[in-house]
Structures are given as structure tokens and as C-alpha cells.
Amino acid sequence: MADQHTDTQNRGPHADAPVYTAGAALEEANSAMILVHGRGASARDILSLTQLWRADGIAYLAPQAAGATWYPHRFMEPIASNEPWLSSALALLGNLVAEIGAAGIPPERTILLGFSQGACLASEFVARNARRWGGVVGLSGGLIGPAGTPRDYPGTLDSTPIFLGCSDIDFHIPKERVIESADILKRLGGDVTMRLYPGMGHEINQDEIAWIQDLLGAVR
């Protein structure tokens, strides 16, 4: 189902993003996962991933980007070129985290998962809001910004379990950026697992799904 999410603190392109939900009702859930779709995809697309694993008591929330894109240019372009879309998208995630918290689920039991452009957005959000999270799953993505972007993020991830998975020949996501992102998130205190899959396409594989299944078993 879709809930209309109106963010009074976010007047950017994603301020009125609808949020699709699945799994347990937020008020009854033990944990939550925010799923962030890729460019040209939809919230319903990424919500369908939840059929690939088994977990009880988890609320799934998937926001829908305006125009099916979180920001207009490639994630390694200058950050200013992706404004105000990027800031609006980050604010939307922040407000979803607050909404989940208001329902009684703390960040320690909240997972952020994204694919492609959504993985970039989720990774960047967590780096900018470093604290203990239930988990972070970046499927074919990396931190946002061109080479040389300052990465002096404040705070600590406090051993948050983080997974970064990507093809080693992904046209959209250079493996060097995945490696760099893993290193930065480790320096921030994340418990990072990074896997580069030889010759894989821009897709999700069963090994990644298995890691997510294990994570869900640990977050209660």
C-alpha cells in the first residue's frame, strides 16, 4: 500500500514522495527497513525484493522518487549539479527514520537498503548520519561525489553491519568507488563486508540475498 508522506521540513522535489509499505505494520513491528529504489525504477520494484527472504516482525518502507530519479546526474558528478534533488532525497530519508523512531523502533533496529542510485543515496545518508544502525545494504552503489570529495564525516557508525556488493565491471559503478566507500565506512567505525563479483551485470545475486537474510536474523 502507499501512504502519502508529506514532509513539512522538505520543500524540494521529493517533499511529497509517497511511501509504499509491506510486512508488519510499523506500530507492531520489532524492526524496520527503508528500501531505496534505483534510477528509473519504483518503490514497488524494490519492495518486491522482500519476497526473496524470510523475516517476521519487520516493517518495510519504500519511498518513491519524483520522476523515478533521486537526483538527475551521475553520482560521481559534482554534488552541486545534483541539487536540490540530492538534499531533498536525504531529507526524505531522515524524516522516514524519524517516523520509524516515533513508532518506537530506534535506529539500532532500522536497516537502510538501496540498489544502484538508491544504494548511493542510502550509503551517503548513513555516512552523513553516522551512528549505530541496524544495518546498511548497498547493492551496486557507493558514496556520492567526484574524486577528491572531502569525506570528513562526523560521528561513528559504532560497528554497524554494512554490506557493499557490486560487479567488478559495472558500467555505472566503478569498482574503485566501491572499494573507497568501504574503506571510508570502515574508518567511520562500520563493520563492513565488501564483495566484488567477477563479470556480474548491474543486478542483485543470491549471495547478496543470503547476507541480507543473515542480517535480518540478527536485528531484533
N, C-alpha and C. Protein backbone atom coordinates (compact mmCIF):
# COMPACT_ATOMS: atom_id res chain seq x y z
N MET A 1 0.85 -1.19 0.00
CA MET A 1 0.00 0.00 0.00
C MET A 1 0.88 1.24 0.00
N ALA A 2 0.32 2.35 -0.39
CA ALA A 2 1.08 3.60 -0.43
C ALA A 2 0.51 4.57 0.60
N ASP A 3 1.37 5.14 1.40
CA ASP A 3 0.98 6.19 2.33
C ASP A 3 1.51 7.51 1.78
N GLN A 4 0.70 8.54 1.83
CA GLN A 4 1.19 9.84 1.38
C GLN A 4 2.08 10.43 2.46
N HIS A 5 3.31 10.70 2.09
CA HIS A 5 4.29 11.22 3.05
C HIS A 5 4.57 12.67 2.69
N THR A 6 4.07 13.57 3.50
CA THR A 6 4.30 14.99 3.26
C THR A 6 5.29 15.51 4.29
N ASP A 7 6.39 16.00 3.83
CA ASP A 7 7.48 16.45 4.70
C ASP A 7 7.46 17.98 4.77
N THR A 8 7.00 18.50 5.89
CA THR A 8 6.90 19.96 6.01
C THR A 8 8.27 20.62 6.11
N GLN A 9 9.33 19.84 6.41
CA GLN A 9 10.67 20.39 6.50
C GLN A 9 11.45 20.22 5.20
N ASN A 10 10.83 19.66 4.19
CA ASN A 10 11.50 19.37 2.93
C ASN A 10 10.66 19.94 1.81
N ARG A 11 11.07 21.04 1.26
CA ARG A 11 10.29 21.68 0.20
C ARG A 11 10.89 21.41 -1.18
N GLY A 12 11.79 20.45 -1.25
CA GLY A 12 12.43 20.11 -2.51
C GLY A 12 11.59 19.17 -3.35
N PRO A 13 12.20 18.60 -4.40
CA PRO A 13 11.46 17.77 -5.36
C PRO A 13 10.79 16.54 -4.75
N HIS A 14 11.34 16.02 -3.65
CA HIS A 14 10.80 14.80 -3.06
C HIS A 14 9.94 15.04 -1.83
N ALA A 15 9.53 16.28 -1.63
CA ALA A 15 8.80 16.63 -0.41
C ALA A 15 7.51 15.84 -0.25
N ASP A 16 6.83 15.56 -1.34
CA ASP A 16 5.54 14.87 -1.27
C ASP A 16 5.64 13.43 -1.74
N ALA A 17 6.80 12.83 -1.57
CA ALA A 17 7.01 11.46 -2.04
C ALA A 17 6.07 10.49 -1.34
N PRO A 18 5.33 9.68 -2.11
CA PRO A 18 4.54 8.62 -1.46
C PRO A 18 5.47 7.53 -0.95
N VAL A 19 5.06 6.87 0.10
CA VAL A 19 5.85 5.80 0.70
C VAL A 19 5.02 4.52 0.67
N TYR A 20 5.54 3.51 0.00
CA TYR A 20 4.87 2.22 -0.08
C TYR A 20 5.36 1.34 1.06
N THR A 21 4.47 0.52 1.57
CA THR A 21 4.79 -0.29 2.74
C THR A 21 4.45 -1.75 2.50
N ALA A 22 5.12 -2.61 3.26
CA ALA A 22 4.86 -4.04 3.25
C ALA A 22 5.31 -4.61 4.58
N GLY A 23 5.04 -5.88 4.80
CA GLY A 23 5.44 -6.51 6.05
C GLY A 23 4.56 -6.12 7.21
N ALA A 24 5.14 -6.09 8.40
CA ALA A 24 4.38 -5.76 9.59
C ALA A 24 4.00 -4.28 9.62
N ALA A 25 2.89 -3.99 10.27
CA ALA A 25 2.53 -2.59 10.49
C ALA A 25 3.60 -1.94 11.36
N LEU A 26 3.93 -0.69 11.05
CA LEU A 26 5.01 -0.02 11.75
C LEU A 26 4.79 -0.01 13.26
N GLU A 27 3.56 0.18 13.69
CA GLU A 27 3.25 0.26 15.12
C GLU A 27 3.40 -1.10 15.82
N GLU A 28 3.42 -2.18 15.05
CA GLU A 28 3.50 -3.52 15.63
C GLU A 28 4.84 -4.20 15.35
N ALA A 29 5.70 -3.56 14.57
CA ALA A 29 6.94 -4.20 14.13
C ALA A 29 8.02 -4.14 15.21
N ASN A 30 8.95 -5.10 15.14
CA ASN A 30 10.12 -5.10 16.01
C ASN A 30 11.28 -4.33 15.39
N SER A 31 11.30 -4.28 14.06
CA SER A 31 12.38 -3.61 13.34
C SER A 31 11.82 -3.07 12.04
N ALA A 32 12.64 -2.29 11.33
CA ALA A 32 12.17 -1.66 10.10
C ALA A 32 13.29 -1.64 9.07
N MET A 33 12.90 -1.61 7.83
CA MET A 33 13.85 -1.46 6.72
C MET A 33 13.32 -0.41 5.75
N ILE A 34 14.18 0.54 5.42
CA ILE A 34 13.88 1.52 4.37
C ILE A 34 14.56 1.01 3.10
N LEU A 35 13.79 0.84 2.04
CA LEU A 35 14.31 0.35 0.77
C LEU A 35 14.28 1.48 -0.25
N VAL A 36 15.41 1.74 -0.90
CA VAL A 36 15.56 2.90 -1.78
C VAL A 36 15.83 2.40 -3.20
N HIS A 37 14.91 2.68 -4.10
CA HIS A 37 14.99 2.16 -5.46
C HIS A 37 16.03 2.89 -6.31
N GLY A 38 16.33 2.32 -7.46
CA GLY A 38 17.29 2.90 -8.38
C GLY A 38 16.66 3.85 -9.39
N ARG A 39 17.49 4.48 -10.18
CA ARG A 39 17.02 5.42 -11.19
C ARG A 39 16.12 4.71 -12.20
N GLY A 40 14.98 5.32 -12.48
CA GLY A 40 14.05 4.77 -13.46
C GLY A 40 13.21 3.62 -12.94
N ALA A 41 13.42 3.23 -11.70
CA ALA A 41 12.65 2.14 -11.10
C ALA A 41 11.58 2.72 -10.18
N SER A 42 11.02 1.88 -9.32
CA SER A 42 9.94 2.34 -8.47
C SER A 42 10.04 1.71 -7.09
N ALA A 43 9.29 2.31 -6.16
CA ALA A 43 9.22 1.77 -4.81
C ALA A 43 8.66 0.35 -4.83
N ARG A 44 7.68 0.12 -5.68
CA ARG A 44 7.10 -1.23 -5.77
C ARG A 44 8.12 -2.24 -6.27
N ASP A 45 8.98 -1.80 -7.20
CA ASP A 45 10.03 -2.69 -7.70
C ASP A 45 10.91 -3.19 -6.56
N ILE A 46 11.41 -2.26 -5.78
CA ILE A 46 12.36 -2.67 -4.73
C ILE A 46 11.65 -3.36 -3.57
N LEU A 47 10.40 -3.04 -3.33
CA LEU A 47 9.65 -3.78 -2.31
C LEU A 47 9.51 -5.25 -2.67
N SER A 48 9.51 -5.56 -3.96
CA SER A 48 9.36 -6.95 -4.38
C SER A 48 10.54 -7.80 -3.92
N LEU A 49 11.69 -7.16 -3.62
CA LEU A 49 12.83 -7.91 -3.11
C LEU A 49 12.50 -8.63 -1.80
N THR A 50 11.59 -8.07 -1.03
CA THR A 50 11.29 -8.65 0.28
C THR A 50 10.70 -10.05 0.17
N GLN A 51 10.28 -10.44 -1.02
CA GLN A 51 9.77 -11.79 -1.23
C GLN A 51 10.91 -12.81 -1.32
N LEU A 52 12.15 -12.33 -1.39
CA LEU A 52 13.29 -13.22 -1.57
C LEU A 52 13.91 -13.68 -0.26
N TRP A 53 13.44 -13.14 0.86
CA TRP A 53 13.93 -13.58 2.16
C TRP A 53 12.76 -13.74 3.12
N ARG A 54 13.05 -14.37 4.26
CA ARG A 54 12.01 -14.63 5.25
C ARG A 54 12.35 -13.88 6.52
N ALA A 55 11.40 -13.12 7.01
CA ALA A 55 11.59 -12.38 8.26
C ALA A 55 10.22 -11.99 8.81
N ASP A 56 10.07 -12.13 10.10
CA ASP A 56 8.82 -11.76 10.77
C ASP A 56 9.04 -10.48 11.57
N GLY A 57 7.98 -9.73 11.72
CA GLY A 57 8.02 -8.57 12.61
C GLY A 57 8.79 -7.39 12.08
N ILE A 58 8.99 -7.31 10.76
CA ILE A 58 9.73 -6.18 10.20
C ILE A 58 8.80 -5.36 9.30
N ALA A 59 8.85 -4.06 9.46
CA ALA A 59 8.09 -3.13 8.62
C ALA A 59 8.99 -2.65 7.49
N TYR A 60 8.50 -2.72 6.27
CA TYR A 60 9.24 -2.27 5.10
C TYR A 60 8.63 -0.97 4.59
N LEU A 61 9.48 0.03 4.36
CA LEU A 61 9.02 1.31 3.83
C LEU A 61 9.87 1.66 2.61
N ALA A 62 9.22 1.95 1.50
CA ALA A 62 9.93 2.27 0.26
C ALA A 62 9.38 3.56 -0.32
N PRO A 63 10.14 4.65 -0.24
CA PRO A 63 9.68 5.92 -0.82
C PRO A 63 9.83 5.91 -2.34
N GLN A 64 8.98 6.68 -3.00
CA GLN A 64 9.01 6.79 -4.46
C GLN A 64 9.58 8.15 -4.86
N ALA A 65 10.69 8.13 -5.59
CA ALA A 65 11.33 9.37 -6.02
C ALA A 65 10.47 10.10 -7.04
N ALA A 66 10.50 11.42 -7.00
CA ALA A 66 9.83 12.23 -8.01
C ALA A 66 10.47 11.96 -9.36
N GLY A 67 9.65 11.65 -10.35
CA GLY A 67 10.18 11.37 -11.68
C GLY A 67 11.03 10.12 -11.74
N ALA A 68 10.91 9.25 -10.73
CA ALA A 68 11.64 7.97 -10.66
C ALA A 68 13.16 8.15 -10.60
N THR A 69 13.61 9.32 -10.17
CA THR A 69 15.05 9.53 -10.00
C THR A 69 15.31 10.39 -8.77
N TRP A 70 16.31 10.00 -7.99
CA TRP A 70 16.61 10.74 -6.76
C TRP A 70 17.40 12.00 -7.04
N TYR A 71 18.25 11.96 -8.07
CA TYR A 71 19.00 13.14 -8.49
C TYR A 71 19.32 12.95 -9.98
N PRO A 72 19.47 14.04 -10.73
CA PRO A 72 19.45 13.94 -12.19
C PRO A 72 20.72 13.44 -12.86
N HIS A 73 21.87 13.66 -12.25
CA HIS A 73 23.13 13.33 -12.91
C HIS A 73 23.81 12.14 -12.22
N ARG A 74 24.89 11.65 -12.80
CA ARG A 74 25.59 10.52 -12.23
C ARG A 74 26.09 10.84 -10.82
N PHE A 75 26.23 9.80 -10.02
CA PHE A 75 26.55 10.01 -8.62
C PHE A 75 27.97 10.53 -8.40
N MET A 76 28.82 10.43 -9.43
CA MET A 76 30.19 10.93 -9.29
C MET A 76 30.38 12.31 -9.91
N GLU A 77 29.28 12.93 -10.34
CA GLU A 77 29.34 14.31 -10.80
C GLU A 77 29.46 15.25 -9.59
N PRO A 78 29.87 16.51 -9.82
CA PRO A 78 29.91 17.46 -8.69
C PRO A 78 28.58 17.49 -7.93
N ILE A 79 28.67 17.48 -6.63
CA ILE A 79 27.47 17.39 -5.81
C ILE A 79 26.50 18.53 -6.11
N ALA A 80 27.02 19.72 -6.35
CA ALA A 80 26.14 20.86 -6.63
C ALA A 80 25.27 20.64 -7.85
N SER A 81 25.75 19.85 -8.81
CA SER A 81 24.98 19.61 -10.04
C SER A 81 23.75 18.75 -9.77
N ASN A 82 23.73 18.07 -8.64
CA ASN A 82 22.59 17.21 -8.31
C ASN A 82 21.65 17.84 -7.27
N GLU A 83 21.88 19.10 -6.98
CA GLU A 83 20.99 19.82 -6.07
C GLU A 83 19.88 20.54 -6.86
N PRO A 84 18.69 20.74 -6.23
CA PRO A 84 18.35 20.43 -4.83
C PRO A 84 17.82 19.01 -4.62
N TRP A 85 17.87 18.19 -5.67
CA TRP A 85 17.31 16.84 -5.58
C TRP A 85 18.00 16.01 -4.50
N LEU A 86 19.33 16.07 -4.47
CA LEU A 86 20.06 15.24 -3.51
C LEU A 86 19.70 15.60 -2.08
N SER A 87 19.74 16.88 -1.75
CA SER A 87 19.40 17.29 -0.38
C SER A 87 17.96 16.93 -0.03
N SER A 88 17.07 17.05 -1.00
CA SER A 88 15.68 16.69 -0.77
C SER A 88 15.54 15.20 -0.50
N ALA A 89 16.27 14.39 -1.25
CA ALA A 89 16.22 12.94 -1.05
C ALA A 89 16.79 12.54 0.31
N LEU A 90 17.90 13.15 0.69
CA LEU A 90 18.49 12.87 2.00
C LEU A 90 17.55 13.29 3.14
N ALA A 91 16.89 14.43 2.96
CA ALA A 91 15.93 14.88 3.97
C ALA A 91 14.76 13.91 4.09
N LEU A 92 14.33 13.37 2.96
CA LEU A 92 13.24 12.40 2.98
C LEU A 92 13.62 11.18 3.81
N LEU A 93 14.83 10.66 3.60
CA LEU A 93 15.27 9.51 4.39
C LEU A 93 15.33 9.86 5.87
N GLY A 94 15.82 11.06 6.17
CA GLY A 94 15.87 11.48 7.56
C GLY A 94 14.50 11.52 8.21
N ASN A 95 13.53 11.99 7.48
CA ASN A 95 12.18 12.06 8.02
C ASN A 95 11.55 10.68 8.18
N LEU A 96 11.89 9.75 7.29
CA LEU A 96 11.41 8.38 7.45
C LEU A 96 12.01 7.73 8.70
N VAL A 97 13.29 7.98 8.92
CA VAL A 97 13.93 7.47 10.14
C VAL A 97 13.23 8.04 11.37
N ALA A 98 12.90 9.32 11.34
CA ALA A 98 12.20 9.95 12.47
C ALA A 98 10.81 9.34 12.65
N GLU A 99 10.14 9.07 11.55
CA GLU A 99 8.81 8.48 11.62
C GLU A 99 8.88 7.07 12.22
N ILE A 100 9.88 6.32 11.82
CA ILE A 100 10.07 4.98 12.37
C ILE A 100 10.38 5.07 13.86
N GLY A 101 11.23 6.03 14.23
CA GLY A 101 11.56 6.21 15.63
C GLY A 101 10.35 6.59 16.47
N ALA A 102 9.48 7.42 15.91
CA ALA A 102 8.28 7.83 16.64
C ALA A 102 7.35 6.66 16.89
N ALA A 103 7.47 5.62 16.05
CA ALA A 103 6.66 4.41 16.24
C ALA A 103 7.30 3.45 17.24
N GLY A 104 8.46 3.83 17.79
CA GLY A 104 9.09 3.02 18.82
C GLY A 104 10.24 2.14 18.35
N ILE A 105 10.67 2.29 17.10
CA ILE A 105 11.77 1.50 16.57
C ILE A 105 12.99 2.39 16.45
N PRO A 106 14.03 2.13 17.22
CA PRO A 106 15.21 3.01 17.20
C PRO A 106 16.09 2.73 15.98
N PRO A 107 17.03 3.62 15.67
CA PRO A 107 17.96 3.38 14.56
C PRO A 107 18.70 2.06 14.67
N GLU A 108 18.95 1.59 15.89
CA GLU A 108 19.66 0.33 16.09
C GLU A 108 18.91 -0.87 15.53
N ARG A 109 17.60 -0.70 15.26
CA ARG A 109 16.82 -1.77 14.66
C ARG A 109 16.22 -1.32 13.33
N THR A 110 16.88 -0.33 12.72
CA THR A 110 16.45 0.18 11.41
C THR A 110 17.55 -0.09 10.39
N ILE A 111 17.18 -0.73 9.30
CA ILE A 111 18.10 -1.07 8.22
C ILE A 111 17.82 -0.17 7.02
N LEU A 112 18.87 0.28 6.37
CA LEU A 112 18.72 1.02 5.12
C LEU A 112 19.30 0.17 3.99
N LEU A 113 18.51 -0.07 2.97
CA LEU A 113 18.92 -0.88 1.82
C LEU A 113 18.62 -0.12 0.55
N GLY A 114 19.58 -0.10 -0.36
CA GLY A 114 19.36 0.56 -1.64
C GLY A 114 20.02 -0.19 -2.78
N PHE A 115 19.47 -0.01 -3.96
CA PHE A 115 20.06 -0.58 -5.17
C PHE A 115 20.42 0.54 -6.13
N SER A 116 21.63 0.49 -6.68
CA SER A 116 22.10 1.42 -7.71
C SER A 116 22.04 2.86 -7.18
N GLN A 117 21.28 3.74 -7.82
CA GLN A 117 21.20 5.11 -7.33
C GLN A 117 20.69 5.14 -5.89
N GLY A 118 19.80 4.22 -5.56
CA GLY A 118 19.31 4.12 -4.19
C GLY A 118 20.38 3.67 -3.22
N ALA A 119 21.31 2.81 -3.67
CA ALA A 119 22.43 2.39 -2.82
C ALA A 119 23.37 3.55 -2.55
N CYS A 120 23.59 4.37 -3.56
CA CYS A 120 24.43 5.56 -3.38
C CYS A 120 23.79 6.49 -2.36
N LEU A 121 22.50 6.70 -2.49
CA LEU A 121 21.79 7.61 -1.59
C LEU A 121 21.80 7.07 -0.15
N ALA A 122 21.52 5.78 0.02
CA ALA A 122 21.50 5.20 1.35
C ALA A 122 22.88 5.25 1.99
N SER A 123 23.92 4.95 1.22
CA SER A 123 25.29 4.98 1.75
C SER A 123 25.68 6.38 2.18
N GLU A 124 25.35 7.36 1.35
CA GLU A 124 25.69 8.75 1.67
C GLU A 124 24.92 9.22 2.90
N PHE A 125 23.66 8.83 3.00
CA PHE A 125 22.86 9.23 4.16
C PHE A 125 23.47 8.69 5.45
N VAL A 126 23.86 7.42 5.43
CA VAL A 126 24.41 6.81 6.63
C VAL A 126 25.76 7.44 6.99
N ALA A 127 26.59 7.74 5.99
CA ALA A 127 27.88 8.38 6.26
C ALA A 127 27.67 9.76 6.88
N ARG A 128 26.67 10.48 6.40
CA ARG A 128 26.40 11.83 6.93
C ARG A 128 25.68 11.79 8.27
N ASN A 129 25.12 10.64 8.61
CA ASN A 129 24.39 10.49 9.87
C ASN A 129 24.94 9.29 10.62
N ALA A 130 26.25 9.33 10.85
CA ALA A 130 26.93 8.19 11.44
C ALA A 130 26.48 7.96 12.88
N ARG A 131 26.02 6.75 13.15
CA ARG A 131 25.62 6.28 14.45
C ARG A 131 25.40 4.77 14.31
N ARG A 132 25.00 4.10 15.35
CA ARG A 132 24.71 2.68 15.24
C ARG A 132 23.36 2.49 14.55
N TRP A 133 23.39 1.81 13.41
CA TRP A 133 22.17 1.44 12.68
C TRP A 133 21.99 -0.06 12.78
N GLY A 134 20.79 -0.51 12.47
CA GLY A 134 20.56 -1.95 12.43
C GLY A 134 21.37 -2.62 11.33
N GLY A 135 21.58 -1.91 10.26
CA GLY A 135 22.38 -2.42 9.15
C GLY A 135 22.24 -1.52 7.94
N VAL A 136 23.19 -1.66 7.03
CA VAL A 136 23.20 -0.90 5.79
C VAL A 136 23.55 -1.87 4.66
N VAL A 137 22.75 -1.85 3.60
CA VAL A 137 23.00 -2.73 2.46
C VAL A 137 23.04 -1.88 1.20
N GLY A 138 24.23 -1.77 0.61
CA GLY A 138 24.40 -1.02 -0.63
C GLY A 138 24.65 -1.99 -1.78
N LEU A 139 23.66 -2.18 -2.61
CA LEU A 139 23.73 -3.11 -3.73
C LEU A 139 24.04 -2.32 -5.00
N SER A 140 25.26 -2.44 -5.50
CA SER A 140 25.70 -1.73 -6.70
C SER A 140 25.65 -0.22 -6.50
N GLY A 141 26.43 0.27 -5.54
CA GLY A 141 26.46 1.70 -5.28
C GLY A 141 27.69 2.09 -4.48
N GLY A 142 27.82 3.39 -4.23
CA GLY A 142 28.94 3.91 -3.45
C GLY A 142 28.65 5.31 -3.00
N LEU A 143 29.54 5.89 -2.22
CA LEU A 143 29.36 7.24 -1.72
C LEU A 143 29.32 8.25 -2.87
N ILE A 144 28.61 9.33 -2.67
CA ILE A 144 28.30 10.30 -3.72
C ILE A 144 29.37 11.39 -3.78
N GLY A 145 29.64 11.82 -5.02
CA GLY A 145 30.57 12.93 -5.23
C GLY A 145 31.75 12.55 -6.10
N PRO A 146 32.41 13.53 -6.71
CA PRO A 146 33.55 13.25 -7.58
C PRO A 146 34.78 12.84 -6.79
N ALA A 147 35.78 12.37 -7.50
CA ALA A 147 37.06 12.04 -6.86
C ALA A 147 37.58 13.27 -6.12
N GLY A 148 38.11 13.06 -4.92
CA GLY A 148 38.63 14.16 -4.13
C GLY A 148 37.62 14.82 -3.22
N THR A 149 36.35 14.34 -3.24
CA THR A 149 35.35 14.90 -2.34
C THR A 149 35.78 14.70 -0.88
N PRO A 150 35.76 15.75 -0.05
CA PRO A 150 36.12 15.57 1.36
C PRO A 150 35.20 14.55 2.03
N ARG A 151 35.78 13.67 2.80
CA ARG A 151 35.00 12.62 3.46
C ARG A 151 35.16 12.69 4.98
N ASP A 152 35.23 13.91 5.49
CA ASP A 152 35.41 14.11 6.92
C ASP A 152 34.06 14.10 7.64
N TYR A 153 33.35 12.98 7.49
CA TYR A 153 32.05 12.84 8.13
C TYR A 153 32.22 12.77 9.65
N PRO A 154 31.36 13.45 10.41
CA PRO A 154 31.46 13.37 11.87
C PRO A 154 30.77 12.12 12.41
N GLY A 155 31.05 11.79 13.65
CA GLY A 155 30.36 10.69 14.30
C GLY A 155 31.01 9.35 14.07
N THR A 156 30.37 8.31 14.58
CA THR A 156 30.86 6.94 14.42
C THR A 156 29.70 6.00 14.11
N LEU A 157 29.96 5.02 13.27
CA LEU A 157 28.95 4.02 12.92
C LEU A 157 28.86 2.91 13.98
N ASP A 158 29.79 2.92 14.93
CA ASP A 158 29.68 2.07 16.12
C ASP A 158 29.41 0.60 15.76
N SER A 159 30.22 0.07 14.85
CA SER A 159 30.15 -1.35 14.45
C SER A 159 28.86 -1.73 13.72
N THR A 160 28.19 -0.78 13.11
CA THR A 160 27.03 -1.08 12.27
C THR A 160 27.43 -2.09 11.19
N PRO A 161 26.68 -3.19 11.04
CA PRO A 161 26.96 -4.12 9.95
C PRO A 161 26.60 -3.51 8.61
N ILE A 162 27.56 -3.49 7.69
CA ILE A 162 27.38 -2.84 6.39
C ILE A 162 27.82 -3.82 5.30
N PHE A 163 27.01 -3.92 4.27
CA PHE A 163 27.34 -4.75 3.11
C PHE A 163 27.38 -3.89 1.86
N LEU A 164 28.47 -3.98 1.13
CA LEU A 164 28.58 -3.34 -0.18
C LEU A 164 28.89 -4.42 -1.20
N GLY A 165 27.99 -4.64 -2.14
CA GLY A 165 28.18 -5.64 -3.17
C GLY A 165 28.00 -5.04 -4.55
N CYS A 166 28.87 -5.44 -5.51
CA CYS A 166 28.80 -4.86 -6.84
C CYS A 166 29.59 -5.74 -7.81
N SER A 167 29.25 -5.66 -9.07
CA SER A 167 30.08 -6.29 -10.10
C SER A 167 31.42 -5.58 -10.18
N ASP A 168 32.44 -6.33 -10.59
CA ASP A 168 33.75 -5.70 -10.77
C ASP A 168 33.86 -4.99 -12.11
N ILE A 169 32.82 -5.11 -12.95
CA ILE A 169 32.83 -4.44 -14.26
C ILE A 169 31.55 -3.63 -14.48
N ASP A 170 30.93 -3.20 -13.40
CA ASP A 170 29.68 -2.45 -13.52
C ASP A 170 29.92 -1.14 -14.25
N PHE A 171 29.18 -0.91 -15.32
CA PHE A 171 29.35 0.30 -16.12
C PHE A 171 28.99 1.55 -15.33
N HIS A 172 28.03 1.43 -14.43
CA HIS A 172 27.53 2.60 -13.69
C HIS A 172 28.34 2.88 -12.42
N ILE A 173 28.90 1.83 -11.83
CA ILE A 173 29.55 1.95 -10.52
C ILE A 173 30.98 1.43 -10.62
N PRO A 174 31.98 2.30 -10.74
CA PRO A 174 33.37 1.83 -10.80
C PRO A 174 33.75 1.08 -9.53
N LYS A 175 34.43 -0.04 -9.70
CA LYS A 175 34.79 -0.82 -8.52
C LYS A 175 35.68 -0.02 -7.57
N GLU A 176 36.46 0.91 -8.12
CA GLU A 176 37.32 1.73 -7.27
C GLU A 176 36.51 2.55 -6.28
N ARG A 177 35.32 3.01 -6.70
CA ARG A 177 34.48 3.78 -5.78
C ARG A 177 33.87 2.87 -4.72
N VAL A 178 33.57 1.64 -5.06
CA VAL A 178 33.05 0.70 -4.06
C VAL A 178 34.12 0.43 -3.01
N ILE A 179 35.35 0.19 -3.46
CA ILE A 179 36.46 -0.05 -2.53
C ILE A 179 36.70 1.16 -1.65
N GLU A 180 36.71 2.35 -2.26
CA GLU A 180 36.91 3.58 -1.50
C GLU A 180 35.80 3.77 -0.47
N SER A 181 34.56 3.51 -0.87
CA SER A 181 33.43 3.67 0.05
C SER A 181 33.55 2.72 1.22
N ALA A 182 33.94 1.48 0.94
CA ALA A 182 34.13 0.51 2.02
C ALA A 182 35.18 0.98 3.00
N ASP A 183 36.28 1.51 2.49
CA ASP A 183 37.35 1.99 3.36
C ASP A 183 36.87 3.15 4.23
N ILE A 184 36.13 4.08 3.63
CA ILE A 184 35.64 5.24 4.39
C ILE A 184 34.67 4.81 5.47
N LEU A 185 33.75 3.90 5.14
CA LEU A 185 32.78 3.44 6.13
C LEU A 185 33.45 2.63 7.24
N LYS A 186 34.52 1.94 6.90
CA LYS A 186 35.31 1.25 7.95
C LYS A 186 35.95 2.27 8.88
N ARG A 187 36.51 3.33 8.31
CA ARG A 187 37.14 4.36 9.14
C ARG A 187 36.12 5.05 10.04
N LEU A 188 34.88 5.07 9.60
CA LEU A 188 33.80 5.64 10.41
C LEU A 188 33.33 4.67 11.49
N GLY A 189 33.90 3.49 11.52
CA GLY A 189 33.54 2.53 12.56
C GLY A 189 32.56 1.47 12.14
N GLY A 190 32.27 1.36 10.83
CA GLY A 190 31.36 0.33 10.36
C GLY A 190 32.03 -1.04 10.29
N ASP A 191 31.24 -2.08 10.50
CA ASP A 191 31.69 -3.46 10.32
C ASP A 191 31.34 -3.85 8.89
N VAL A 192 32.26 -3.58 7.97
CA VAL A 192 31.97 -3.59 6.53
C VAL A 192 32.35 -4.92 5.88
N THR A 193 31.40 -5.46 5.13
CA THR A 193 31.65 -6.58 4.23
C THR A 193 31.53 -6.05 2.80
N MET A 194 32.59 -6.18 2.01
CA MET A 194 32.55 -5.74 0.61
C MET A 194 32.81 -6.94 -0.29
N ARG A 195 31.98 -7.10 -1.30
CA ARG A 195 32.17 -8.19 -2.25
C ARG A 195 32.03 -7.66 -3.68
N LEU A 196 33.07 -7.89 -4.47
CA LEU A 196 33.05 -7.58 -5.90
C LEU A 196 32.89 -8.89 -6.65
N TYR A 197 31.85 -8.98 -7.48
CA TYR A 197 31.51 -10.22 -8.16
C TYR A 197 32.03 -10.18 -9.60
N PRO A 198 32.90 -11.12 -9.96
CA PRO A 198 33.52 -11.09 -11.30
C PRO A 198 32.48 -11.24 -12.42
N GLY A 199 32.50 -10.27 -13.34
CA GLY A 199 31.71 -10.36 -14.55
C GLY A 199 30.21 -10.24 -14.38
N MET A 200 29.73 -9.89 -13.21
CA MET A 200 28.29 -9.80 -12.99
C MET A 200 27.72 -8.55 -13.67
N GLY A 201 26.46 -8.59 -14.04
CA GLY A 201 25.80 -7.42 -14.58
C GLY A 201 25.37 -6.46 -13.47
N HIS A 202 24.63 -5.46 -13.86
CA HIS A 202 24.11 -4.47 -12.89
C HIS A 202 22.85 -5.07 -12.28
N GLU A 203 23.05 -5.93 -11.29
CA GLU A 203 21.95 -6.74 -10.77
C GLU A 203 22.25 -7.19 -9.35
N ILE A 204 21.32 -7.94 -8.80
CA ILE A 204 21.42 -8.47 -7.45
C ILE A 204 21.54 -9.99 -7.54
N ASN A 205 22.42 -10.56 -6.72
CA ASN A 205 22.59 -12.01 -6.79
C ASN A 205 22.21 -12.71 -5.49
N GLN A 206 22.24 -14.03 -5.52
CA GLN A 206 21.77 -14.82 -4.37
C GLN A 206 22.69 -14.68 -3.17
N ASP A 207 23.98 -14.48 -3.40
CA ASP A 207 24.90 -14.29 -2.28
C ASP A 207 24.52 -13.04 -1.48
N GLU A 208 24.13 -11.98 -2.18
CA GLU A 208 23.71 -10.75 -1.51
C GLU A 208 22.42 -10.97 -0.72
N ILE A 209 21.49 -11.71 -1.31
CA ILE A 209 20.24 -12.01 -0.62
C ILE A 209 20.51 -12.82 0.64
N ALA A 210 21.44 -13.76 0.57
CA ALA A 210 21.78 -14.58 1.74
C ALA A 210 22.35 -13.70 2.86
N TRP A 211 23.17 -12.70 2.49
CA TRP A 211 23.73 -11.81 3.51
C TRP A 211 22.61 -11.01 4.18
N ILE A 212 21.65 -10.55 3.39
CA ILE A 212 20.52 -9.80 3.94
C ILE A 212 19.72 -10.70 4.89
N GLN A 213 19.50 -11.95 4.48
CA GLN A 213 18.77 -12.88 5.35
C GLN A 213 19.46 -13.04 6.70
N ASP A 214 20.77 -13.17 6.70
CA ASP A 214 21.51 -13.30 7.95
C ASP A 214 21.40 -12.02 8.79
N LEU A 215 21.46 -10.88 8.14
CA LEU A 215 21.33 -9.60 8.85
C LEU A 215 19.98 -9.50 9.54
N LEU A 216 18.92 -9.88 8.83
CA LEU A 216 17.58 -9.78 9.40
C LEU A 216 17.44 -10.69 10.60
N GLY A 217 18.14 -11.81 10.58
CA GLY A 217 18.08 -12.71 11.73
C GLY A 217 18.76 -12.13 12.96
N ALA A 218 19.68 -11.18 12.74
CA ALA A 218 20.43 -10.60 13.86
C ALA A 218 19.79 -9.33 14.40
N VAL A 219 18.93 -8.69 13.64
CA VAL A 219 18.32 -7.42 14.05
C VAL A 219 16.94 -7.70 14.60
N ARG A 220 16.81 -7.60 15.90
CA ARG A 220 15.52 -7.86 16.56
C ARG A 220 15.24 -6.76 17.58
